[in-house]
N, C-alpha and C. Protein backbone atom coordinates (compact mmCIF):
# COMPACT_ATOMS: atom_id res chain seq x y z
N MET A 1 13.02 0.67 -7.15
CA MET A 1 11.63 0.51 -7.39
C MET A 1 10.93 1.85 -7.25
N ARG A 2 9.91 2.08 -8.13
CA ARG A 2 9.13 3.29 -8.04
C ARG A 2 7.94 3.03 -7.16
N ILE A 3 7.79 3.92 -6.09
CA ILE A 3 6.80 3.78 -5.06
C ILE A 3 5.93 5.03 -4.99
N ALA A 4 4.63 4.85 -5.12
CA ALA A 4 3.68 5.97 -4.86
C ALA A 4 3.26 5.86 -3.42
N ILE A 5 3.20 6.97 -2.76
CA ILE A 5 2.84 6.92 -1.25
C ILE A 5 1.95 8.10 -0.99
N GLY A 6 0.94 7.85 -0.17
CA GLY A 6 0.02 8.83 0.22
C GLY A 6 -0.60 8.58 1.62
N SER A 7 -1.00 9.64 2.26
CA SER A 7 -1.58 9.45 3.60
C SER A 7 -2.60 10.56 3.91
N ASP A 8 -3.35 10.30 4.92
CA ASP A 8 -4.20 11.35 5.45
C ASP A 8 -3.39 12.09 6.59
N HIS A 9 -4.09 13.01 7.35
CA HIS A 9 -3.40 13.74 8.37
C HIS A 9 -2.73 12.77 9.44
N ALA A 10 -3.50 11.71 9.75
CA ALA A 10 -3.04 10.79 10.81
C ALA A 10 -1.83 10.03 10.39
N GLY A 11 -1.61 9.77 9.14
CA GLY A 11 -0.48 9.06 8.61
C GLY A 11 0.66 9.93 8.16
N TYR A 12 0.50 11.22 8.22
CA TYR A 12 1.43 12.15 7.61
C TYR A 12 2.81 12.00 8.17
N ALA A 13 3.04 11.97 9.48
CA ALA A 13 4.39 11.88 10.02
C ALA A 13 5.02 10.52 9.68
N LEU A 14 4.33 9.46 9.64
CA LEU A 14 4.88 8.15 9.27
C LEU A 14 5.18 8.22 7.72
N LYS A 15 4.35 8.82 7.01
CA LYS A 15 4.65 8.95 5.56
C LYS A 15 5.97 9.72 5.29
N GLU A 16 6.18 10.80 6.00
CA GLU A 16 7.45 11.49 5.86
C GLU A 16 8.62 10.65 6.24
N HIS A 17 8.48 9.93 7.33
CA HIS A 17 9.52 9.06 7.85
C HIS A 17 9.82 7.97 6.81
N LEU A 18 8.81 7.31 6.27
CA LEU A 18 9.02 6.22 5.36
C LEU A 18 9.56 6.69 3.97
N LYS A 19 9.23 7.90 3.60
CA LYS A 19 9.81 8.51 2.37
C LYS A 19 11.35 8.54 2.51
N GLU A 20 11.77 9.01 3.72
CA GLU A 20 13.21 9.10 3.98
C GLU A 20 13.86 7.72 3.92
N LEU A 21 13.28 6.79 4.62
CA LEU A 21 13.73 5.41 4.69
C LEU A 21 13.88 4.84 3.34
N LEU A 22 12.79 4.82 2.57
CA LEU A 22 12.85 4.33 1.23
C LEU A 22 13.73 4.98 0.20
N GLY A 23 13.86 6.31 0.36
CA GLY A 23 14.75 7.12 -0.41
C GLY A 23 16.28 6.69 -0.19
N ARG A 24 16.53 6.49 1.12
CA ARG A 24 17.90 6.11 1.50
C ARG A 24 18.28 4.66 0.91
N GLU A 25 17.20 3.92 0.75
CA GLU A 25 17.43 2.46 0.21
C GLU A 25 17.33 2.51 -1.33
N GLY A 26 17.26 3.62 -1.91
CA GLY A 26 17.42 3.75 -3.39
C GLY A 26 16.09 3.70 -4.24
N HIS A 27 15.00 3.77 -3.56
CA HIS A 27 13.70 3.76 -4.27
C HIS A 27 13.35 5.18 -4.68
N GLU A 28 12.62 5.19 -5.84
CA GLU A 28 12.04 6.52 -6.34
C GLU A 28 10.67 6.67 -5.83
N ILE A 29 10.51 7.75 -5.09
CA ILE A 29 9.23 8.00 -4.34
C ILE A 29 8.41 9.10 -5.05
N THR A 30 7.08 8.81 -5.21
CA THR A 30 6.11 9.84 -5.66
C THR A 30 5.24 10.06 -4.45
N ASP A 31 5.17 11.31 -3.92
CA ASP A 31 4.34 11.66 -2.78
C ASP A 31 3.02 12.24 -3.37
N LEU A 32 1.89 11.65 -3.04
CA LEU A 32 0.63 12.06 -3.55
C LEU A 32 -0.22 12.80 -2.42
N GLY A 33 0.43 13.09 -1.37
CA GLY A 33 -0.23 13.88 -0.31
C GLY A 33 -0.45 13.02 0.90
N THR A 34 -0.90 13.64 1.86
CA THR A 34 -1.18 15.10 2.14
C THR A 34 0.12 15.77 2.44
N THR A 35 0.02 17.04 2.70
CA THR A 35 1.30 17.80 2.93
C THR A 35 1.42 18.36 4.34
N SER A 36 0.54 17.92 5.24
CA SER A 36 0.55 18.37 6.64
C SER A 36 -0.32 17.61 7.50
N GLU A 37 -0.38 17.88 8.77
CA GLU A 37 -1.24 17.16 9.76
C GLU A 37 -2.64 17.78 9.82
N GLU A 38 -2.99 18.90 8.91
CA GLU A 38 -4.30 19.36 8.83
C GLU A 38 -5.27 18.27 8.37
N PRO A 39 -6.49 18.21 8.95
CA PRO A 39 -7.46 17.23 8.57
C PRO A 39 -7.71 17.21 7.06
N VAL A 40 -7.78 16.12 6.49
CA VAL A 40 -7.95 15.88 5.09
C VAL A 40 -8.70 14.53 4.90
N ASP A 41 -9.51 14.36 3.90
CA ASP A 41 -10.19 13.11 3.55
C ASP A 41 -9.14 12.22 2.80
N TYR A 42 -9.13 10.95 3.16
CA TYR A 42 -8.14 10.02 2.61
C TYR A 42 -8.54 9.37 1.29
N PRO A 43 -9.89 9.22 0.96
CA PRO A 43 -10.18 8.41 -0.29
C PRO A 43 -9.54 8.98 -1.56
N PRO A 44 -9.54 10.24 -1.86
CA PRO A 44 -8.89 10.70 -3.08
C PRO A 44 -7.39 10.41 -3.15
N ILE A 45 -6.74 10.50 -2.02
CA ILE A 45 -5.34 10.26 -1.93
C ILE A 45 -5.03 8.82 -2.17
N CYS A 46 -5.86 7.95 -1.54
CA CYS A 46 -5.54 6.50 -1.79
C CYS A 46 -5.90 6.02 -3.18
N ALA A 47 -6.90 6.75 -3.76
CA ALA A 47 -7.29 6.40 -5.14
C ALA A 47 -6.09 6.86 -6.06
N ALA A 48 -5.50 8.02 -5.77
CA ALA A 48 -4.33 8.50 -6.58
C ALA A 48 -3.18 7.57 -6.52
N VAL A 49 -2.91 6.98 -5.27
CA VAL A 49 -1.78 6.04 -5.20
C VAL A 49 -2.13 4.80 -6.02
N GLY A 50 -3.35 4.29 -5.88
CA GLY A 50 -3.74 3.08 -6.60
C GLY A 50 -3.64 3.32 -8.16
N ARG A 51 -4.10 4.48 -8.61
CA ARG A 51 -4.01 4.85 -10.08
C ARG A 51 -2.59 4.82 -10.55
N GLU A 52 -1.64 5.29 -9.74
CA GLU A 52 -0.25 5.27 -10.12
C GLU A 52 0.28 3.84 -10.34
N VAL A 53 -0.20 2.93 -9.45
CA VAL A 53 0.19 1.53 -9.48
C VAL A 53 -0.42 0.88 -10.75
N VAL A 54 -1.81 1.05 -10.91
CA VAL A 54 -2.49 0.38 -12.05
C VAL A 54 -1.92 0.89 -13.34
N ALA A 55 -1.67 2.19 -13.47
CA ALA A 55 -1.07 2.73 -14.71
C ALA A 55 0.36 2.31 -14.98
N GLY A 56 0.98 1.73 -14.08
CA GLY A 56 2.40 1.31 -14.21
C GLY A 56 3.44 2.48 -14.00
N ARG A 57 2.95 3.60 -13.50
CA ARG A 57 3.89 4.68 -13.19
C ARG A 57 4.65 4.41 -11.85
N ALA A 58 4.03 3.59 -11.10
CA ALA A 58 4.65 3.02 -9.80
C ALA A 58 4.62 1.53 -9.83
N ASP A 59 5.64 0.95 -9.33
CA ASP A 59 5.62 -0.50 -9.15
C ASP A 59 4.79 -1.02 -7.98
N ARG A 60 4.80 -0.23 -6.94
CA ARG A 60 3.94 -0.56 -5.74
C ARG A 60 3.55 0.72 -5.15
N GLY A 61 2.56 0.71 -4.20
CA GLY A 61 2.09 1.84 -3.45
C GLY A 61 1.99 1.60 -1.96
N ILE A 62 1.91 2.68 -1.27
CA ILE A 62 1.73 2.64 0.19
C ILE A 62 0.67 3.71 0.57
N VAL A 63 -0.31 3.35 1.31
CA VAL A 63 -1.28 4.27 1.89
C VAL A 63 -1.22 4.13 3.44
N LEU A 64 -1.41 5.31 4.04
CA LEU A 64 -1.27 5.43 5.49
C LEU A 64 -2.35 6.28 6.07
N GLY A 65 -2.83 5.73 7.23
CA GLY A 65 -3.85 6.56 7.94
C GLY A 65 -3.77 6.16 9.36
N GLY A 66 -4.86 6.53 10.16
CA GLY A 66 -4.90 6.14 11.55
C GLY A 66 -4.83 4.73 11.81
N SER A 67 -5.84 4.03 11.24
CA SER A 67 -5.88 2.54 11.39
C SER A 67 -5.36 1.85 10.10
N GLY A 68 -5.39 2.48 8.97
CA GLY A 68 -5.00 1.87 7.66
C GLY A 68 -6.23 1.22 7.05
N GLN A 69 -7.30 0.93 7.73
CA GLN A 69 -8.45 0.14 7.24
C GLN A 69 -9.19 0.98 6.16
N GLY A 70 -9.50 2.17 6.39
CA GLY A 70 -10.26 2.98 5.33
C GLY A 70 -9.37 3.13 4.15
N GLU A 71 -8.13 3.31 4.34
CA GLU A 71 -7.13 3.57 3.30
C GLU A 71 -7.05 2.30 2.31
N GLN A 72 -7.01 1.19 3.07
CA GLN A 72 -7.00 -0.08 2.18
C GLN A 72 -8.30 -0.24 1.46
N ILE A 73 -9.46 0.07 2.05
CA ILE A 73 -10.75 -0.06 1.42
C ILE A 73 -10.79 0.88 0.22
N ALA A 74 -10.36 2.13 0.46
CA ALA A 74 -10.46 3.14 -0.71
C ALA A 74 -9.56 2.66 -1.85
N ALA A 75 -8.36 2.24 -1.61
CA ALA A 75 -7.40 1.79 -2.67
C ALA A 75 -7.97 0.62 -3.38
N ASN A 76 -8.64 -0.33 -2.68
CA ASN A 76 -9.06 -1.55 -3.35
C ASN A 76 -10.30 -1.26 -4.23
N LYS A 77 -10.84 -0.05 -4.28
CA LYS A 77 -11.96 0.18 -5.21
C LYS A 77 -11.45 0.34 -6.57
N LEU A 78 -10.17 0.44 -6.83
CA LEU A 78 -9.62 0.57 -8.20
C LEU A 78 -9.37 -0.73 -8.81
N ARG A 79 -9.84 -1.00 -9.95
CA ARG A 79 -9.56 -2.28 -10.58
C ARG A 79 -8.07 -2.40 -10.77
N GLY A 80 -7.55 -3.59 -10.34
CA GLY A 80 -6.18 -3.93 -10.48
C GLY A 80 -5.37 -3.69 -9.19
N VAL A 81 -5.94 -3.02 -8.25
CA VAL A 81 -5.26 -2.84 -6.92
C VAL A 81 -5.59 -3.97 -6.06
N ARG A 82 -4.49 -4.50 -5.44
CA ARG A 82 -4.63 -5.56 -4.33
C ARG A 82 -3.99 -4.92 -3.11
N ALA A 83 -4.69 -4.10 -2.40
CA ALA A 83 -4.26 -3.44 -1.25
C ALA A 83 -4.44 -4.29 0.00
N ALA A 84 -3.33 -4.39 0.83
CA ALA A 84 -3.39 -5.28 1.97
C ALA A 84 -3.09 -4.40 3.30
N LEU A 85 -3.91 -4.51 4.24
CA LEU A 85 -3.60 -3.92 5.56
C LEU A 85 -2.68 -4.75 6.31
N CYS A 86 -1.50 -4.20 6.51
CA CYS A 86 -0.50 -4.99 7.22
C CYS A 86 0.12 -4.18 8.43
N ASN A 87 -0.39 -4.53 9.54
CA ASN A 87 0.08 -3.86 10.83
C ASN A 87 0.87 -4.86 11.65
N ASP A 88 1.36 -5.90 10.98
CA ASP A 88 2.32 -6.88 11.57
C ASP A 88 3.19 -7.48 10.43
N LEU A 89 4.24 -8.23 10.88
CA LEU A 89 5.06 -8.75 9.89
C LEU A 89 4.53 -10.01 9.18
N TYR A 90 3.69 -10.72 9.86
CA TYR A 90 3.07 -11.98 9.19
C TYR A 90 2.19 -11.53 7.94
N THR A 91 1.33 -10.58 8.21
CA THR A 91 0.48 -10.19 7.10
C THR A 91 1.20 -9.47 5.95
N ALA A 92 2.37 -8.74 6.38
CA ALA A 92 3.21 -8.08 5.28
C ALA A 92 3.79 -9.15 4.44
N ARG A 93 4.30 -10.16 5.08
CA ARG A 93 4.97 -11.27 4.31
C ARG A 93 4.03 -12.05 3.39
N TYR A 94 2.92 -12.41 3.96
CA TYR A 94 2.05 -13.30 3.22
C TYR A 94 1.14 -12.52 2.22
N SER A 95 0.92 -11.26 2.46
CA SER A 95 0.19 -10.46 1.47
C SER A 95 0.92 -10.42 0.16
N ARG A 96 2.22 -10.45 0.25
CA ARG A 96 3.09 -10.49 -0.97
C ARG A 96 3.26 -11.85 -1.45
N LEU A 97 3.61 -12.77 -0.58
CA LEU A 97 3.93 -14.13 -0.94
C LEU A 97 2.80 -14.85 -1.57
N HIS A 98 1.56 -14.77 -0.98
CA HIS A 98 0.41 -15.50 -1.49
C HIS A 98 -0.53 -14.67 -2.32
N ASN A 99 -0.65 -13.42 -2.06
CA ASN A 99 -1.72 -12.54 -2.74
C ASN A 99 -1.05 -11.51 -3.73
N ASP A 100 0.20 -11.46 -3.91
CA ASP A 100 0.75 -10.48 -4.82
C ASP A 100 0.23 -9.03 -4.64
N ALA A 101 0.09 -8.63 -3.34
CA ALA A 101 -0.45 -7.28 -3.01
C ALA A 101 0.46 -6.24 -3.67
N ASN A 102 -0.14 -5.19 -4.20
CA ASN A 102 0.63 -4.17 -4.85
C ASN A 102 0.53 -2.83 -4.17
N VAL A 103 -0.38 -2.76 -3.14
CA VAL A 103 -0.45 -1.59 -2.34
C VAL A 103 -0.45 -2.02 -0.88
N LEU A 104 0.37 -1.41 -0.02
CA LEU A 104 0.47 -1.67 1.36
C LEU A 104 -0.21 -0.62 2.14
N SER A 105 -1.04 -1.03 3.14
CA SER A 105 -1.76 -0.05 3.96
C SER A 105 -1.23 -0.29 5.31
N ILE A 106 -0.93 0.74 6.12
CA ILE A 106 -0.46 0.70 7.48
C ILE A 106 -1.22 1.67 8.31
N GLY A 107 -1.55 1.28 9.51
CA GLY A 107 -2.19 2.22 10.53
C GLY A 107 -1.19 2.96 11.36
N ALA A 108 -0.98 4.22 11.16
CA ALA A 108 0.01 4.92 11.89
C ALA A 108 -0.32 5.04 13.40
N ARG A 109 -1.59 4.88 13.75
CA ARG A 109 -1.91 4.95 15.13
C ARG A 109 -1.92 3.58 15.80
N VAL A 110 -1.56 2.51 14.93
CA VAL A 110 -1.63 1.16 15.45
C VAL A 110 -0.24 0.62 15.61
N VAL A 111 0.75 1.02 14.73
CA VAL A 111 2.08 0.48 14.85
C VAL A 111 3.13 1.67 15.12
N GLY A 112 4.16 1.36 15.70
CA GLY A 112 5.22 2.32 16.00
C GLY A 112 6.08 2.38 14.77
N VAL A 113 6.96 3.41 14.77
CA VAL A 113 7.86 3.62 13.64
C VAL A 113 8.83 2.51 13.37
N ALA A 114 9.40 1.90 14.47
CA ALA A 114 10.32 0.83 14.22
C ALA A 114 9.62 -0.40 13.55
N LEU A 115 8.40 -0.74 14.07
CA LEU A 115 7.65 -1.87 13.47
C LEU A 115 7.21 -1.48 12.03
N ALA A 116 6.89 -0.32 11.74
CA ALA A 116 6.52 0.19 10.39
C ALA A 116 7.71 0.00 9.50
N ASP A 117 8.85 0.25 9.94
CA ASP A 117 10.05 0.15 9.07
C ASP A 117 10.22 -1.30 8.79
N GLU A 118 10.09 -2.21 9.74
CA GLU A 118 10.19 -3.60 9.49
C GLU A 118 9.11 -4.15 8.57
N ILE A 119 7.89 -3.62 8.66
CA ILE A 119 6.71 -4.06 7.84
C ILE A 119 7.10 -3.70 6.39
N VAL A 120 7.51 -2.44 6.16
CA VAL A 120 7.86 -1.94 4.88
C VAL A 120 9.07 -2.87 4.29
N ARG A 121 10.01 -3.04 5.02
CA ARG A 121 11.19 -3.78 4.52
C ARG A 121 10.75 -5.24 4.17
N THR A 122 9.97 -5.83 4.96
CA THR A 122 9.48 -7.17 4.72
C THR A 122 8.59 -7.20 3.51
N TRP A 123 7.67 -6.26 3.37
CA TRP A 123 6.77 -6.22 2.23
C TRP A 123 7.58 -6.00 0.91
N PHE A 124 8.50 -5.15 0.90
CA PHE A 124 9.25 -4.83 -0.37
C PHE A 124 10.31 -5.96 -0.67
N SER A 125 10.72 -6.75 0.29
CA SER A 125 11.64 -7.71 0.01
C SER A 125 11.10 -9.11 -0.35
N THR A 126 9.71 -9.22 -0.12
CA THR A 126 9.02 -10.48 -0.36
C THR A 126 8.46 -10.57 -1.72
N ASP A 127 8.80 -11.59 -2.48
CA ASP A 127 8.27 -11.73 -3.82
C ASP A 127 7.08 -12.64 -3.78
N PHE A 128 6.25 -12.45 -4.84
CA PHE A 128 5.07 -13.30 -5.03
C PHE A 128 5.54 -14.70 -5.26
N GLU A 129 5.00 -15.74 -4.57
CA GLU A 129 5.42 -17.11 -4.61
C GLU A 129 4.96 -17.74 -5.94
N GLY A 130 3.85 -17.28 -6.50
CA GLY A 130 3.31 -17.82 -7.71
C GLY A 130 2.78 -19.20 -7.44
N GLY A 131 2.93 -20.16 -8.35
CA GLY A 131 2.48 -21.52 -8.21
C GLY A 131 1.02 -21.68 -7.96
N ARG A 132 0.67 -22.27 -6.95
CA ARG A 132 -0.70 -22.47 -6.56
C ARG A 132 -1.53 -21.26 -6.27
N HIS A 133 -0.82 -20.16 -6.06
CA HIS A 133 -1.49 -18.89 -5.78
C HIS A 133 -1.86 -18.17 -6.95
N VAL A 134 -1.32 -18.47 -8.17
CA VAL A 134 -1.61 -17.71 -9.34
C VAL A 134 -3.12 -17.82 -9.72
N PRO A 135 -3.67 -19.08 -9.70
CA PRO A 135 -5.17 -19.19 -10.05
C PRO A 135 -5.99 -18.36 -9.02
N ARG A 136 -5.56 -18.32 -7.74
CA ARG A 136 -6.36 -17.53 -6.76
C ARG A 136 -6.41 -16.06 -7.05
N VAL A 137 -5.22 -15.51 -7.40
CA VAL A 137 -5.15 -14.09 -7.73
C VAL A 137 -5.87 -13.88 -9.02
N GLU A 138 -5.85 -14.82 -10.01
CA GLU A 138 -6.60 -14.59 -11.19
C GLU A 138 -8.18 -14.70 -10.92
N GLN A 139 -8.53 -15.55 -9.96
CA GLN A 139 -9.92 -15.61 -9.57
C GLN A 139 -10.41 -14.22 -8.94
N ILE A 140 -9.56 -13.64 -8.15
CA ILE A 140 -9.85 -12.31 -7.57
C ILE A 140 -10.02 -11.34 -8.72
N SER A 141 -9.15 -11.37 -9.67
CA SER A 141 -9.28 -10.39 -10.80
C SER A 141 -10.57 -10.56 -11.57
N ALA A 142 -10.94 -11.89 -11.80
CA ALA A 142 -12.10 -12.23 -12.53
C ALA A 142 -13.33 -11.72 -11.77
N ILE A 143 -13.42 -11.93 -10.53
CA ILE A 143 -14.52 -11.34 -9.66
C ILE A 143 -14.60 -9.87 -9.80
N GLU A 144 -13.43 -9.27 -9.75
CA GLU A 144 -13.39 -7.79 -9.82
C GLU A 144 -14.00 -7.29 -11.22
N LYS A 145 -13.57 -7.95 -12.26
CA LYS A 145 -14.02 -7.61 -13.56
C LYS A 145 -15.60 -7.82 -13.65
N GLU A 146 -16.03 -8.97 -13.15
CA GLU A 146 -17.43 -9.36 -13.16
C GLU A 146 -18.26 -8.18 -12.43
N GLU A 147 -17.83 -7.89 -11.26
CA GLU A 147 -18.55 -6.96 -10.41
C GLU A 147 -18.44 -5.49 -10.86
N ARG A 148 -17.39 -5.15 -11.51
CA ARG A 148 -17.22 -3.73 -11.88
C ARG A 148 -17.45 -3.48 -13.41
N GLY A 149 -17.75 -4.54 -14.03
CA GLY A 149 -18.10 -4.34 -15.45
C GLY A 149 -16.98 -4.25 -16.34
């Protein structure tokens, strides 16, 4: 799978760790920043990850920050992005199963490395269930189109 990943300074160490993990598992990784723990604003990085997913250059994306909340919000500003903040296994599973999330957001100051590994593995191994959830995802897309023109 092609994965775009990006973080701010608070998520940098976890980003580097997850790149190694995902690379070992055979995924193709595109790192969109940041490159250190020096303070940086996250919105442009999260937007870049979202753009890669929407354009089809990445199958899915990951954005990381201190809480993951701002990163999720920034990524969700792009039409076609369904970013989910998943700091536990339940939300990781159901964001894929029911919502067909295509960008994962994690708070590096909220979860430890071992839990982050499990969240990522769960998120990437869970397929969209489809069925009754398809009209709901379509309704989300329709709202997005209506609001964003």
